[in-house]
Amino acid sequence: MIKSLGYTIYIGEKVFKDLSSFLKKQKYSNCFILCDENTFKHCLPGLIIQCKELKDAEIFEIESGENSKSLQLCSQLWETLLSYNADKNALIINLGGGVVSDLGGFVASVYKRGIDFINIPTSLLAMADASVGGKTGIDFSGLKNSIGTITQPKGVFIFPEFLETLPKRHIANGMAEIYKMALISDKVLWKKLQSAKILDNTFITRSVLLKNNFVKKDPLDKGVRKALNFGHTVGHAIESVLLASEVDILHGEAVLAGMICESKISLKKKLISKKEFDEIVNTLTQKFTFAPLPALLFGEMVKATVNDKKNTKLQIQSALLNGIGKNKINVAVTPMEILESLEFYNSITI
């Protein structure tokens, strides 16, 4: 059990009992479960069996994937909520990965000026990162998470056994955020990850604890919490451009590429040593599979970084490393530095 900003994060086998207690105490007028086709099939039945308070919940099923984080789908969900006469005392339960929690949290945060929502993450990415911290959002005009709110859930219920339904690619997708968390704030965790051969549930708990520390210090993402964006300035640009070109890429895969690129920029700015840089690149390339990026799209990727949410006055602001286990926020980065980092990334994938 981890205390956050007005809510609790529950982790482990007893989370369904904790969820039942939560629902009995709150006495919501309606419960709506948002899921995709995968969690509908693999996770929803077990949830309903384990938590009988949800036997009458309405189910909203969406298509999996980043394309669901759209204003059009939000509109459909709001219309559906209205058709069910959902009032201010209704609850949305986000049963899924990062897409479901981002979308469902945003829909809840603005419906009738805000109704409660909770997150039940089913992917490693969501368990270790996306379900915690209150960031909600959708993609708009080709830019990832360009519309959203910071609204804390009323609870997060993490059941690691859900990971047994995930393919290996999605496990690696979530591990990316755990490695990021180690690089920016926990050198001991970084060393443990280097020697780990399998996913240990303690990595999830540690990642959540570390992220929660940032969130509690900076709930509105104005200061130290920006460190969590390491790998994301370039990573979000890669993800946005490739998704627009219909290339199949997951968020964690784009962030991993962004971590390589932003480690290169950290080295250029003398924030990390060559030894540290080599250690980072060698570790990540040993633990993950990297594919080359289409060089013809580098210009679009650089352009996309100009629209990153962290920027000020069109100056690209990035969160970089300041040694392994440490970070430095609000570092000005030039378009040329980003282009050079993308070129370096491709050089290690050959």
Protein backbone atom coordinates (compact mmCIF):
# COMPACT_ATOMS: atom_id res chain seq x y z
CA MET A 1 0.00 0.00 0.00
CA ILE A 2 1.44 3.36 -1.09
CA LYS A 3 -0.12 6.67 -0.09
CA SER A 4 -0.31 9.31 -2.78
CA LEU A 5 -2.10 12.63 -3.23
CA GLY A 6 -5.45 11.92 -1.60
CA TYR A 7 -5.63 8.30 -2.68
CA THR A 8 -3.96 4.94 -2.15
CA ILE A 9 -2.05 2.68 -4.54
CA TYR A 10 -2.71 -0.99 -3.75
CA ILE A 11 -0.33 -3.65 -5.06
CA GLY A 12 -0.54 -7.44 -4.77
CA GLU A 13 -2.89 -10.39 -4.57
CA LYS A 14 -5.37 -8.74 -2.21
CA VAL A 15 -6.21 -5.77 -4.42
CA PHE A 16 -9.66 -7.12 -5.31
CA LYS A 17 -10.60 -7.19 -1.62
CA ASP A 18 -9.28 -3.64 -1.32
CA LEU A 19 -11.35 -2.67 -4.36
CA SER A 20 -14.51 -4.24 -2.90
CA SER A 21 -13.99 -2.32 0.35
CA PHE A 22 -13.42 0.90 -1.60
CA LEU A 23 -16.64 0.47 -3.63
CA LYS A 24 -18.73 -0.41 -0.57
CA LYS A 25 -17.50 2.68 1.23
CA GLN A 26 -17.99 5.13 -1.66
CA LYS A 27 -21.47 3.96 -2.77
CA TYR A 28 -21.32 5.26 -6.34
CA SER A 29 -24.56 5.79 -8.27
CA ASN A 30 -23.17 4.05 -11.37
CA CYS A 31 -19.97 2.22 -12.25
CA PHE A 32 -18.65 2.19 -15.81
CA ILE A 33 -15.73 -0.06 -16.77
CA LEU A 34 -13.60 1.12 -19.70
CA CYS A 35 -11.55 -1.61 -21.37
CA ASP A 36 -10.20 -2.63 -24.77
CA GLU A 37 -10.82 -5.91 -26.60
CA ASN A 38 -7.84 -7.55 -24.92
CA THR A 39 -8.68 -6.64 -21.35
CA PHE A 40 -12.35 -7.38 -22.05
CA LYS A 41 -11.35 -10.95 -22.90
CA HIS A 42 -8.47 -11.63 -20.49
CA CYS A 43 -9.03 -9.41 -17.43
CA LEU A 44 -12.66 -8.33 -17.13
CA PRO A 45 -14.13 -11.78 -16.31
CA GLY A 46 -11.72 -12.28 -13.39
CA LEU A 47 -12.41 -8.76 -12.12
CA ILE A 48 -16.18 -9.31 -12.09
CA ILE A 49 -15.82 -12.70 -10.35
CA GLN A 50 -13.44 -11.35 -7.71
CA CYS A 51 -15.34 -8.10 -7.13
CA LYS A 52 -19.06 -8.83 -7.04
CA GLU A 53 -19.84 -5.14 -6.49
CA LEU A 54 -19.19 -4.70 -10.23
CA LYS A 55 -21.64 -7.36 -11.48
CA ASP A 56 -24.05 -4.64 -12.66
CA ALA A 57 -21.41 -2.26 -14.03
CA GLU A 58 -21.80 -1.02 -17.60
CA ILE A 59 -18.95 -1.99 -19.92
CA PHE A 60 -17.41 0.36 -22.48
CA GLU A 61 -15.16 -1.51 -24.90
CA ILE A 62 -12.78 0.39 -27.17
CA GLU A 63 -10.19 -0.66 -29.72
CA SER A 64 -6.69 -1.15 -28.35
CA GLY A 65 -3.90 1.13 -29.53
CA GLU A 66 -2.88 4.77 -29.54
CA ASN A 67 -5.49 5.69 -32.18
CA SER A 68 -8.19 5.38 -29.52
CA LYS A 69 -6.81 8.44 -27.71
CA SER A 70 -8.88 10.77 -29.88
CA LEU A 71 -11.35 13.59 -29.36
CA GLN A 72 -13.85 11.67 -31.49
CA LEU A 73 -13.82 8.68 -29.13
CA CYS A 74 -14.05 11.00 -26.11
CA SER A 75 -17.18 12.52 -27.63
CA GLN A 76 -18.70 9.07 -28.10
CA LEU A 77 -17.96 8.14 -24.49
CA TRP A 78 -19.43 11.39 -23.15
CA GLU A 79 -22.57 10.82 -25.23
CA THR A 80 -22.84 7.29 -23.85
CA LEU A 81 -22.44 8.51 -20.27
CA LEU A 82 -25.23 11.01 -20.87
CA SER A 83 -27.46 8.31 -22.36
CA TYR A 84 -27.04 6.33 -19.12
CA ASN A 85 -27.86 9.46 -17.10
CA ALA A 86 -24.48 9.28 -15.38
CA ASP A 87 -24.43 11.90 -12.65
CA LYS A 88 -21.68 13.54 -10.58
CA ASN A 89 -21.58 10.49 -8.29
CA ALA A 90 -20.70 8.06 -11.09
CA LEU A 91 -17.36 6.23 -11.31
CA ILE A 92 -15.25 5.27 -14.31
CA ILE A 93 -12.98 2.26 -13.84
CA ASN A 94 -10.06 2.17 -16.28
CA LEU A 95 -9.20 -1.49 -16.83
CA GLY A 96 -6.29 -1.55 -19.23
CA GLY A 97 -2.92 -0.17 -20.19
CA GLY A 98 -1.68 3.37 -20.66
CA VAL A 99 -4.10 4.19 -23.47
CA VAL A 100 -7.13 3.20 -21.38
CA SER A 101 -5.97 5.07 -18.27
CA ASP A 102 -5.02 8.20 -20.25
CA LEU A 103 -8.31 8.24 -22.15
CA GLY A 104 -10.60 7.19 -19.32
CA GLY A 105 -9.01 9.59 -16.89
CA PHE A 106 -9.46 12.48 -19.32
CA VAL A 107 -13.08 11.58 -20.08
CA ALA A 108 -13.84 11.43 -16.35
CA SER A 109 -11.93 14.59 -15.48
CA VAL A 110 -14.06 16.85 -17.67
CA TYR A 111 -17.45 15.08 -17.72
CA LYS A 112 -19.83 17.32 -15.73
CA ARG A 113 -16.71 19.17 -14.56
CA GLY A 114 -15.23 15.98 -13.20
CA ILE A 115 -16.35 12.61 -11.89
CA ASP A 116 -14.31 10.04 -9.98
CA PHE A 117 -12.17 7.44 -11.72
CA ILE A 118 -9.86 4.66 -10.61
CA ASN A 119 -7.16 2.79 -12.50
CA ILE A 120 -6.73 -0.98 -12.65
CA PRO A 121 -3.63 -1.29 -14.84
CA THR A 122 -3.23 -4.47 -16.85
CA SER A 123 0.02 -3.75 -18.71
CA LEU A 124 3.48 -3.37 -17.23
CA LEU A 125 3.71 0.13 -18.70
CA ALA A 126 0.56 1.17 -16.86
CA MET A 127 1.48 -0.60 -13.61
CA ALA A 128 4.95 0.91 -13.41
CA ASP A 129 4.11 4.35 -14.74
CA ALA A 130 0.95 5.47 -16.55
CA SER A 131 -1.66 4.60 -13.90
CA VAL A 132 0.04 6.71 -11.21
CA GLY A 133 0.41 10.48 -11.06
CA GLY A 134 -2.85 11.86 -12.43
CA LYS A 135 -1.78 12.71 -15.98
CA THR A 136 -4.65 12.16 -18.39
CA GLY A 137 -4.76 12.98 -22.05
CA ILE A 138 -5.48 12.36 -25.69
CA ASP A 139 -3.57 12.93 -28.91
CA PHE A 140 -4.61 15.87 -31.05
CA SER A 141 -3.51 17.29 -34.39
CA GLY A 142 -0.85 14.60 -34.71
CA LEU A 143 0.76 15.41 -31.36
CA LYS A 144 0.84 12.93 -28.48
CA ASN A 145 -0.97 13.95 -25.27
CA SER A 146 -1.40 17.52 -26.49
CA ILE A 147 -4.79 17.81 -24.74
CA GLY A 148 -5.27 16.59 -21.18
CA THR A 149 -5.55 17.35 -17.51
CA ILE A 150 -3.72 16.54 -14.30
CA THR A 151 -6.43 14.89 -12.23
CA GLN A 152 -5.62 12.33 -9.56
CA PRO A 153 -7.54 9.04 -9.53
CA LYS A 154 -9.42 7.99 -6.41
CA GLY A 155 -7.38 4.80 -6.25
CA VAL A 156 -4.99 2.57 -8.18
CA PHE A 157 -5.26 -1.20 -7.87
CA ILE A 158 -2.29 -3.14 -9.26
CA PHE A 159 -2.69 -6.90 -9.72
CA PRO A 160 0.63 -8.17 -11.17
CA GLU A 161 -0.90 -11.51 -12.20
CA PHE A 162 -2.57 -9.67 -15.10
CA LEU A 163 0.89 -9.57 -16.69
CA GLU A 164 0.65 -13.30 -17.40
CA THR A 165 -1.65 -12.46 -20.32
CA LEU A 166 0.86 -10.07 -21.94
CA PRO A 167 3.11 -10.92 -24.90
CA LYS A 168 6.87 -10.41 -24.47
CA ARG A 169 6.86 -7.27 -26.60
CA HIS A 170 4.51 -5.56 -24.17
CA ILE A 171 6.59 -6.63 -21.18
CA ALA A 172 9.62 -4.98 -22.80
CA ASN A 173 7.43 -1.95 -23.52
CA GLY A 174 6.76 -1.52 -19.80
CA MET A 175 10.31 -2.29 -18.71
CA ALA A 176 11.40 0.79 -20.66
CA GLU A 177 9.77 3.07 -18.08
CA ILE A 178 11.30 1.13 -15.18
CA TYR A 179 14.79 1.54 -16.70
CA LYS A 180 14.04 5.23 -17.20
CA MET A 181 13.04 5.59 -13.57
CA ALA A 182 16.29 3.95 -12.46
CA LEU A 183 18.42 6.14 -14.72
CA ILE A 184 16.94 9.39 -13.44
CA SER A 185 16.66 8.60 -9.74
CA ASP A 186 17.95 5.25 -8.46
CA LYS A 187 21.41 3.94 -9.28
CA VAL A 188 20.87 0.88 -7.05
CA LEU A 189 17.79 -0.08 -9.07
CA TRP A 190 19.80 0.47 -12.27
CA LYS A 191 22.43 -2.03 -11.08
CA LYS A 192 19.74 -4.57 -10.15
CA LEU A 193 18.14 -4.23 -13.57
CA GLN A 194 21.49 -4.78 -15.26
CA SER A 195 21.85 -8.20 -13.63
CA ALA A 196 18.16 -9.21 -13.71
CA LYS A 197 17.12 -12.01 -16.04
CA ILE A 198 13.39 -12.00 -15.33
CA LEU A 199 10.79 -9.46 -14.29
CA ASP A 200 10.62 -9.21 -10.52
CA ASN A 201 7.44 -7.71 -9.07
CA THR A 202 9.59 -5.69 -6.68
CA PHE A 203 10.69 -3.67 -9.72
CA ILE A 204 7.08 -2.58 -10.20
CA THR A 205 6.72 -1.55 -6.57
CA ARG A 206 10.02 0.35 -6.62
CA SER A 207 9.13 2.14 -9.84
CA VAL A 208 5.76 3.20 -8.42
CA LEU A 209 7.40 4.42 -5.19
CA LEU A 210 9.95 6.47 -7.12
CA LYS A 211 7.36 8.02 -9.42
CA ASN A 212 5.06 8.74 -6.49
CA ASN A 213 7.87 10.66 -4.77
CA PHE A 214 8.19 12.95 -7.80
CA VAL A 215 4.42 13.40 -8.04
CA LYS A 216 3.96 14.30 -4.36
CA LYS A 217 6.72 16.90 -4.56
CA ASP A 218 5.40 18.41 -7.78
CA PRO A 219 1.77 17.41 -8.50
CA LEU A 220 1.25 19.94 -11.31
CA ASP A 221 4.45 19.11 -13.22
CA LYS A 222 6.01 22.55 -12.80
CA GLY A 223 9.40 21.52 -11.41
CA VAL A 224 11.15 18.32 -10.31
CA ARG A 225 8.48 16.06 -11.80
CA LYS A 226 9.68 17.09 -15.26
CA ALA A 227 12.57 14.66 -14.71
CA LEU A 228 10.10 11.87 -15.53
CA ASN A 229 10.18 13.11 -19.12
CA PHE A 230 13.70 11.81 -19.71
CA GLY A 231 13.59 10.01 -23.06
CA HIS A 232 10.22 11.54 -23.89
CA THR A 233 11.17 14.74 -25.73
CA VAL A 234 12.64 12.72 -28.57
CA GLY A 235 10.56 9.62 -27.78
CA HIS A 236 7.20 11.38 -28.15
CA ALA A 237 8.39 12.97 -31.40
CA ILE A 238 9.39 9.57 -32.77
CA GLU A 239 6.10 8.04 -31.66
CA SER A 240 3.94 10.84 -33.11
CA VAL A 241 5.66 10.85 -36.49
CA LEU A 242 5.76 7.06 -36.89
CA LEU A 243 2.15 6.59 -35.82
CA ALA A 244 1.11 9.21 -38.37
CA SER A 245 2.99 7.24 -41.03
CA GLU A 246 1.25 4.05 -39.81
CA VAL A 247 4.47 2.44 -38.59
CA ASP A 248 3.77 0.05 -35.71
CA ILE A 249 5.54 1.35 -32.60
CA LEU A 250 4.71 1.13 -28.90
CA HIS A 251 5.20 3.97 -26.43
CA GLY A 252 7.97 2.19 -24.51
CA GLU A 253 9.82 1.41 -27.74
CA ALA A 254 9.80 5.07 -28.71
CA VAL A 255 10.92 6.07 -25.20
CA LEU A 256 13.82 3.60 -25.35
CA ALA A 257 14.99 5.20 -28.58
CA GLY A 258 14.51 8.59 -26.92
CA MET A 259 16.60 7.48 -23.94
CA ILE A 260 19.48 6.55 -26.25
CA CYS A 261 19.17 9.90 -28.03
CA GLU A 262 18.89 11.97 -24.87
CA SER A 263 21.79 10.10 -23.25
CA LYS A 264 23.83 11.13 -26.28
CA ILE A 265 22.75 14.74 -25.76
CA SER A 266 23.58 14.44 -22.04
CA LEU A 267 27.08 13.30 -23.03
CA LYS A 268 27.50 16.19 -25.47
CA LYS A 269 26.54 18.64 -22.73
CA LYS A 270 29.03 16.94 -20.37
CA LEU A 271 26.32 15.95 -17.92
CA ILE A 272 27.43 12.31 -18.03
CA SER A 273 30.86 10.81 -18.66
CA LYS A 274 31.81 8.71 -21.68
CA LYS A 275 32.04 5.70 -19.34
CA GLU A 276 28.50 6.27 -18.08
CA PHE A 277 27.23 6.82 -21.61
CA ASP A 278 28.80 3.58 -22.83
CA GLU A 279 27.34 1.73 -19.85
CA ILE A 280 23.85 3.04 -20.64
CA VAL A 281 24.01 2.23 -24.35
CA ASN A 282 25.55 -1.22 -23.79
CA THR A 283 22.99 -2.13 -21.12
CA LEU A 284 19.97 -1.00 -23.13
CA THR A 285 21.12 -2.64 -26.35
CA GLN A 286 21.74 -5.90 -24.49
CA LYS A 287 18.35 -5.86 -22.75
CA PHE A 288 16.17 -4.58 -25.59
CA THR A 289 15.82 -4.94 -29.35
CA PHE A 290 16.22 -1.72 -31.33
CA ALA A 291 15.11 -1.16 -34.91
CA PRO A 292 16.46 1.62 -37.14
CA LEU A 293 14.29 4.68 -37.68
CA PRO A 294 13.43 5.94 -41.19
CA ALA A 295 16.04 8.65 -41.75
CA LEU A 296 13.76 10.42 -44.23
CA LEU A 297 11.48 11.27 -41.29
CA PHE A 298 14.19 12.76 -39.07
CA GLY A 299 13.22 16.27 -40.13
CA GLU A 300 9.61 15.66 -39.08
CA MET A 301 10.77 14.23 -35.76
CA VAL A 302 12.92 17.28 -35.03
CA LYS A 303 10.00 19.51 -35.96
CA ALA A 304 7.72 17.59 -33.60
CA THR A 305 10.04 18.27 -30.65
CA VAL A 306 9.37 22.00 -31.09
CA ASN A 307 5.74 21.35 -30.07
CA ASP A 308 6.67 19.39 -26.94
CA LYS A 309 4.62 20.40 -23.86
CA LYS A 310 7.74 21.24 -21.82
CA ASN A 311 8.97 23.91 -24.22
CA THR A 312 8.95 27.64 -23.53
CA LYS A 313 8.86 30.29 -26.26
CA LEU A 314 9.56 27.63 -28.89
CA GLN A 315 12.82 26.72 -27.14
CA ILE A 316 13.18 22.96 -26.81
CA GLN A 317 13.43 22.05 -23.13
CA SER A 318 14.49 18.54 -22.17
CA ALA A 319 15.01 16.47 -19.05
CA LEU A 320 18.45 14.92 -19.26
CA LEU A 321 20.70 12.77 -17.12
CA ASN A 322 23.16 14.33 -14.70
CA GLY A 323 25.01 11.10 -14.04
CA ILE A 324 23.42 7.66 -13.67
CA GLY A 325 20.68 7.90 -11.04
CA LYS A 326 20.46 11.68 -11.27
CA ASN A 327 18.72 14.15 -13.54
CA LYS A 328 18.68 17.74 -14.72
CA ILE A 329 15.50 19.44 -15.90
CA ASN A 330 14.84 22.39 -18.22
CA VAL A 331 17.95 21.88 -20.33
CA ALA A 332 17.84 23.83 -23.59
CA VAL A 333 18.43 21.55 -26.57
CA THR A 334 18.92 22.61 -30.17
CA PRO A 335 17.28 21.03 -33.22
CA MET A 336 20.76 20.12 -34.49
CA GLU A 337 21.53 18.23 -31.25
CA ILE A 338 18.32 16.26 -31.66
CA LEU A 339 19.12 15.47 -35.30
CA GLU A 340 22.63 14.32 -34.38
CA SER A 341 21.23 12.13 -31.60
CA LEU A 342 18.81 10.47 -34.04
CA GLU A 343 21.67 9.81 -36.43
CA PHE A 344 23.67 8.27 -33.58
CA TYR A 345 20.71 6.10 -32.62
CA ASN A 346 20.50 4.70 -36.13
CA SER A 347 24.24 4.01 -36.15
CA ILE A 348 23.91 1.55 -33.24
CA THR A 349 21.02 -0.36 -34.83
CA ILE A 350 22.99 -1.39 -37.94
